[in-house]
């Protein structure tokens, strides 16, 4: 299990990247970063955290924090599970990403 510490929230919960997931207090939040310009709730996030450049789920990140998150996510993606279950999971994710890009929700 790979864990990368990113920051601690104001209420004391750790924000970490755990096995390819952005986690808040150990609970999964997101598996990718979204630039602030593309986030559906960007106005509220920028109002609360003016220097936020990216978000992972409901977690805002500064540019430096986003770079650390992206690095940890990239390292997790490089680990390839060659088992039938791992390959099935990767195919499922690829099909879902394609369907989402084509406008299916």
N, C-alpha and C. Protein backbone atom coordinates (compact mmCIF):
# COMPACT_ATOMS: atom_id res chain seq x y z
N UNK A 1 0.85 -1.18 0.00
CA UNK A 1 0.00 0.00 0.00
C UNK A 1 0.89 1.24 0.00
N UNK A 2 0.70 2.08 -1.00
CA UNK A 2 1.47 3.32 -1.12
C UNK A 2 0.65 4.49 -0.57
N UNK A 3 1.25 5.22 0.36
CA UNK A 3 0.56 6.37 0.96
C UNK A 3 1.45 7.60 0.81
N UNK A 4 0.87 8.69 0.29
CA UNK A 4 1.60 9.96 0.17
C UNK A 4 0.81 11.02 0.92
N UNK A 5 1.40 11.58 1.97
CA UNK A 5 0.77 12.65 2.74
C UNK A 5 0.79 13.94 1.92
N UNK A 6 -0.34 14.64 1.86
CA UNK A 6 -0.43 15.90 1.11
C UNK A 6 -0.59 17.09 2.06
N UNK A 7 -1.57 17.03 2.94
CA UNK A 7 -1.81 18.13 3.88
C UNK A 7 -2.74 17.66 4.98
N UNK A 8 -2.96 18.54 5.96
CA UNK A 8 -3.93 18.30 7.01
C UNK A 8 -4.98 19.41 6.92
N UNK A 9 -6.25 19.04 6.99
CA UNK A 9 -7.32 20.03 6.89
C UNK A 9 -7.41 20.82 8.20
N UNK A 10 -8.19 21.89 8.18
CA UNK A 10 -8.34 22.72 9.38
C UNK A 10 -8.95 21.95 10.54
N UNK A 11 -9.76 20.92 10.24
CA UNK A 11 -10.36 20.13 11.31
C UNK A 11 -9.50 18.93 11.72
N UNK A 12 -8.26 18.86 11.20
CA UNK A 12 -7.31 17.85 11.65
C UNK A 12 -7.27 16.55 10.87
N UNK A 13 -8.07 16.43 9.81
CA UNK A 13 -8.04 15.19 9.02
C UNK A 13 -6.91 15.25 7.99
N UNK A 14 -6.26 14.11 7.78
CA UNK A 14 -5.18 14.03 6.81
C UNK A 14 -5.73 13.86 5.40
N UNK A 15 -5.12 14.58 4.46
CA UNK A 15 -5.39 14.39 3.05
C UNK A 15 -4.18 13.63 2.50
N UNK A 16 -4.44 12.45 1.96
CA UNK A 16 -3.38 11.58 1.48
C UNK A 16 -3.78 10.97 0.14
N UNK A 17 -2.80 10.52 -0.60
CA UNK A 17 -3.06 9.70 -1.78
C UNK A 17 -2.71 8.29 -1.37
N UNK A 18 -3.73 7.42 -1.40
CA UNK A 18 -3.56 6.03 -0.98
C UNK A 18 -3.94 5.13 -2.15
N UNK A 19 -2.96 4.41 -2.66
CA UNK A 19 -3.17 3.45 -3.75
C UNK A 19 -3.96 4.05 -4.92
N UNK A 20 -3.59 5.26 -5.33
CA UNK A 20 -4.23 5.87 -6.49
C UNK A 20 -5.52 6.60 -6.20
N UNK A 21 -5.84 6.81 -4.95
CA UNK A 21 -7.06 7.55 -4.57
C UNK A 21 -6.69 8.73 -3.67
N UNK A 22 -7.32 9.85 -3.92
CA UNK A 22 -7.18 11.01 -3.03
C UNK A 22 -8.14 10.74 -1.87
N UNK A 23 -7.59 10.70 -0.67
CA UNK A 23 -8.39 10.32 0.50
C UNK A 23 -8.40 11.42 1.55
N UNK A 24 -9.52 11.54 2.22
CA UNK A 24 -9.69 12.48 3.33
C UNK A 24 -9.98 11.65 4.57
N UNK A 25 -9.05 11.68 5.53
CA UNK A 25 -9.22 10.89 6.74
C UNK A 25 -9.31 9.40 6.45
N UNK A 26 -8.65 8.94 5.40
CA UNK A 26 -8.65 7.53 5.04
C UNK A 26 -9.80 7.10 4.14
N UNK A 27 -10.78 7.97 3.92
CA UNK A 27 -11.92 7.65 3.05
C UNK A 27 -11.68 8.20 1.65
N UNK A 28 -11.99 7.41 0.65
CA UNK A 28 -11.79 7.82 -0.73
C UNK A 28 -12.64 9.03 -1.11
N UNK A 29 -12.01 9.98 -1.78
CA UNK A 29 -12.70 11.18 -2.27
C UNK A 29 -12.74 11.22 -3.79
N UNK A 30 -11.58 10.97 -4.43
CA UNK A 30 -11.50 11.08 -5.89
C UNK A 30 -10.29 10.30 -6.38
N UNK A 31 -10.30 10.01 -7.68
CA UNK A 31 -9.15 9.31 -8.27
C UNK A 31 -8.44 10.15 -9.31
N UNK A 32 -8.81 11.43 -9.40
CA UNK A 32 -8.18 12.33 -10.37
C UNK A 32 -8.31 13.77 -9.89
N UNK A 33 -7.42 14.61 -10.39
CA UNK A 33 -7.49 16.05 -10.12
C UNK A 33 -8.26 16.73 -11.24
N UNK A 34 -8.97 17.77 -10.89
CA UNK A 34 -9.69 18.57 -11.88
C UNK A 34 -9.18 20.00 -11.77
N UNK A 35 -8.77 20.61 -12.89
CA UNK A 35 -8.38 22.03 -12.84
C UNK A 35 -9.56 22.87 -12.38
N UNK A 36 -9.28 23.91 -11.63
CA UNK A 36 -10.35 24.72 -11.06
C UNK A 36 -11.30 25.27 -12.13
N UNK A 37 -10.77 25.57 -13.33
CA UNK A 37 -11.62 26.12 -14.39
C UNK A 37 -12.70 25.14 -14.82
N UNK A 38 -12.48 23.83 -14.61
CA UNK A 38 -13.42 22.81 -15.05
C UNK A 38 -14.31 22.28 -13.93
N UNK A 39 -14.06 22.68 -12.70
CA UNK A 39 -14.81 22.15 -11.56
C UNK A 39 -16.21 22.77 -11.51
N UNK A 40 -17.25 21.96 -11.33
CA UNK A 40 -18.61 22.50 -11.32
C UNK A 40 -18.91 23.45 -10.16
N UNK A 41 -18.14 23.36 -9.08
CA UNK A 41 -18.39 24.21 -7.91
C UNK A 41 -17.23 25.18 -7.69
N UNK A 42 -16.61 25.63 -8.78
CA UNK A 42 -15.39 26.43 -8.70
C UNK A 42 -15.60 27.77 -7.99
N UNK A 43 -16.74 28.39 -8.15
CA UNK A 43 -16.95 29.71 -7.53
C UNK A 43 -16.91 29.62 -6.01
N UNK A 44 -17.56 28.62 -5.45
CA UNK A 44 -17.56 28.45 -4.00
C UNK A 44 -16.18 28.05 -3.49
N UNK A 45 -15.48 27.21 -4.26
CA UNK A 45 -14.15 26.76 -3.83
C UNK A 45 -13.17 27.93 -3.85
N UNK A 46 -13.17 28.72 -4.92
CA UNK A 46 -12.25 29.86 -5.02
C UNK A 46 -12.57 30.91 -3.96
N UNK A 47 -13.83 31.05 -3.62
CA UNK A 47 -14.21 32.00 -2.57
C UNK A 47 -13.65 31.55 -1.21
N UNK A 48 -13.68 30.24 -0.95
CA UNK A 48 -13.19 29.71 0.32
C UNK A 48 -11.66 29.57 0.33
N UNK A 49 -11.08 29.19 -0.82
CA UNK A 49 -9.64 28.97 -0.92
C UNK A 49 -9.14 29.69 -2.18
N UNK A 50 -8.83 30.98 -2.06
CA UNK A 50 -8.50 31.79 -3.23
C UNK A 50 -7.30 31.29 -4.05
N UNK A 51 -6.34 30.61 -3.41
CA UNK A 51 -5.16 30.16 -4.15
C UNK A 51 -5.29 28.74 -4.69
N UNK A 52 -6.49 28.18 -4.66
CA UNK A 52 -6.71 26.82 -5.17
C UNK A 52 -6.61 26.82 -6.70
N UNK A 53 -5.87 25.85 -7.23
CA UNK A 53 -5.74 25.72 -8.69
C UNK A 53 -6.37 24.43 -9.20
N UNK A 54 -6.54 23.45 -8.31
CA UNK A 54 -7.11 22.16 -8.67
C UNK A 54 -8.00 21.66 -7.53
N UNK A 55 -8.81 20.67 -7.83
CA UNK A 55 -9.63 20.03 -6.80
C UNK A 55 -9.68 18.54 -7.09
N UNK A 56 -9.78 17.79 -6.04
CA UNK A 56 -9.99 16.35 -6.12
C UNK A 56 -11.24 16.04 -5.33
N UNK A 57 -12.35 15.87 -6.02
CA UNK A 57 -13.63 15.74 -5.32
C UNK A 57 -13.96 17.07 -4.68
N UNK A 58 -14.12 17.08 -3.37
CA UNK A 58 -14.43 18.33 -2.66
C UNK A 58 -13.21 18.95 -2.00
N UNK A 59 -12.01 18.42 -2.31
CA UNK A 59 -10.79 18.91 -1.70
C UNK A 59 -10.05 19.88 -2.61
N UNK A 60 -9.86 21.13 -2.18
CA UNK A 60 -9.10 22.09 -3.00
C UNK A 60 -7.59 21.94 -2.75
N UNK A 61 -6.80 22.21 -3.80
CA UNK A 61 -5.35 22.12 -3.69
C UNK A 61 -4.69 23.33 -4.33
N UNK A 62 -3.62 23.79 -3.70
CA UNK A 62 -2.79 24.82 -4.32
C UNK A 62 -1.97 24.16 -5.43
N UNK A 63 -1.24 24.95 -6.18
CA UNK A 63 -0.44 24.39 -7.28
C UNK A 63 0.59 23.40 -6.76
N UNK A 64 1.28 23.72 -5.68
CA UNK A 64 2.28 22.82 -5.12
C UNK A 64 1.65 21.52 -4.61
N UNK A 65 0.52 21.63 -3.93
CA UNK A 65 -0.17 20.44 -3.44
C UNK A 65 -0.69 19.60 -4.60
N UNK A 66 -1.22 20.26 -5.63
CA UNK A 66 -1.72 19.53 -6.80
C UNK A 66 -0.59 18.77 -7.49
N UNK A 67 0.59 19.37 -7.55
CA UNK A 67 1.74 18.69 -8.14
C UNK A 67 2.10 17.43 -7.34
N UNK A 68 2.06 17.52 -6.03
CA UNK A 68 2.35 16.36 -5.18
C UNK A 68 1.29 15.27 -5.36
N UNK A 69 0.03 15.69 -5.43
CA UNK A 69 -1.06 14.73 -5.65
C UNK A 69 -0.89 14.04 -7.00
N UNK A 70 -0.66 14.82 -8.05
CA UNK A 70 -0.52 14.24 -9.40
C UNK A 70 0.66 13.28 -9.46
N UNK A 71 1.74 13.63 -8.80
CA UNK A 71 2.90 12.74 -8.76
C UNK A 71 2.55 11.41 -8.10
N UNK A 72 1.87 11.46 -6.97
CA UNK A 72 1.49 10.24 -6.26
C UNK A 72 0.49 9.42 -7.07
N UNK A 73 -0.44 10.09 -7.76
CA UNK A 73 -1.40 9.37 -8.61
C UNK A 73 -0.68 8.70 -9.77
N UNK A 74 0.29 9.38 -10.36
CA UNK A 74 1.05 8.82 -11.48
C UNK A 74 1.85 7.60 -11.05
N UNK A 75 2.46 7.67 -9.89
CA UNK A 75 3.22 6.52 -9.37
C UNK A 75 2.29 5.33 -9.16
N UNK A 76 1.11 5.58 -8.63
CA UNK A 76 0.15 4.49 -8.39
C UNK A 76 -0.32 3.88 -9.71
N UNK A 77 -0.49 4.70 -10.75
CA UNK A 77 -0.94 4.19 -12.04
C UNK A 77 0.12 3.34 -12.72
N UNK A 78 1.40 3.62 -12.44
CA UNK A 78 2.48 2.86 -13.05
C UNK A 78 2.53 1.43 -12.56
N UNK A 79 2.02 1.19 -11.36
CA UNK A 79 1.99 -0.17 -10.83
C UNK A 79 0.88 -0.92 -11.56
N UNK A 80 1.25 -1.97 -12.24
CA UNK A 80 0.30 -2.69 -13.08
C UNK A 80 -0.03 -4.04 -12.46
N UNK A 81 -1.29 -4.27 -12.22
CA UNK A 81 -1.76 -5.55 -11.70
C UNK A 81 -2.09 -6.43 -12.91
N UNK A 82 -1.27 -7.43 -13.16
CA UNK A 82 -1.43 -8.28 -14.34
C UNK A 82 -2.38 -9.46 -14.10
N UNK A 83 -3.00 -9.51 -12.96
CA UNK A 83 -3.95 -10.58 -12.70
C UNK A 83 -5.21 -10.36 -13.54
N UNK A 84 -6.02 -11.41 -13.76
CA UNK A 84 -7.26 -11.23 -14.51
C UNK A 84 -8.17 -10.15 -13.89
N UNK A 85 -8.23 -10.09 -12.57
CA UNK A 85 -9.07 -9.08 -11.91
C UNK A 85 -8.51 -7.67 -12.16
N UNK A 86 -7.19 -7.52 -12.12
CA UNK A 86 -6.57 -6.22 -12.37
C UNK A 86 -6.79 -5.75 -13.79
N UNK A 87 -6.66 -6.66 -14.75
CA UNK A 87 -6.89 -6.32 -16.15
C UNK A 87 -8.35 -5.96 -16.38
N UNK A 88 -9.25 -6.71 -15.78
CA UNK A 88 -10.68 -6.40 -15.90
C UNK A 88 -10.98 -5.02 -15.35
N UNK A 89 -10.39 -4.68 -14.22
CA UNK A 89 -10.62 -3.36 -13.62
C UNK A 89 -10.12 -2.25 -14.53
N UNK A 90 -8.93 -2.41 -15.12
CA UNK A 90 -8.38 -1.40 -16.02
C UNK A 90 -9.26 -1.24 -17.25
N UNK A 91 -9.76 -2.35 -17.80
CA UNK A 91 -10.66 -2.28 -18.95
C UNK A 91 -11.96 -1.56 -18.58
N UNK A 92 -12.50 -1.88 -17.43
CA UNK A 92 -13.73 -1.23 -16.97
C UNK A 92 -13.53 0.28 -16.85
N UNK A 93 -12.38 0.69 -16.28
CA UNK A 93 -12.09 2.12 -16.14
C UNK A 93 -11.93 2.78 -17.50
N UNK A 94 -11.29 2.11 -18.44
CA UNK A 94 -11.10 2.68 -19.78
C UNK A 94 -12.43 2.84 -20.51
N UNK A 95 -13.29 1.84 -20.40
CA UNK A 95 -14.61 1.92 -21.04
C UNK A 95 -15.42 3.05 -20.42
N UNK A 96 -15.39 3.17 -19.11
CA UNK A 96 -16.14 4.23 -18.44
C UNK A 96 -15.60 5.61 -18.81
N UNK A 97 -14.27 5.76 -18.89
CA UNK A 97 -13.68 7.04 -19.28
C UNK A 97 -14.10 7.42 -20.69
N UNK A 98 -14.12 6.45 -21.60
CA UNK A 98 -14.54 6.70 -22.98
C UNK A 98 -16.01 7.09 -23.02
N UNK A 99 -16.84 6.38 -22.30
CA UNK A 99 -18.27 6.70 -22.29
C UNK A 99 -18.51 8.08 -21.70
N UNK A 100 -17.79 8.43 -20.66
CA UNK A 100 -17.92 9.76 -20.06
C UNK A 100 -17.47 10.84 -21.03
N UNK A 101 -16.38 10.60 -21.73
CA UNK A 101 -15.88 11.57 -22.71
C UNK A 101 -16.87 11.74 -23.86
N UNK A 102 -17.63 10.69 -24.16
CA UNK A 102 -18.63 10.77 -25.24
C UNK A 102 -19.95 11.37 -24.77
N UNK A 103 -20.05 11.71 -23.48
CA UNK A 103 -21.24 12.38 -22.98
C UNK A 103 -22.20 11.53 -22.20
N UNK A 104 -21.87 10.27 -21.94
CA UNK A 104 -22.74 9.40 -21.14
C UNK A 104 -22.48 9.70 -19.68
N UNK A 105 -23.54 9.83 -18.90
CA UNK A 105 -23.37 10.12 -17.47
C UNK A 105 -23.89 9.00 -16.63
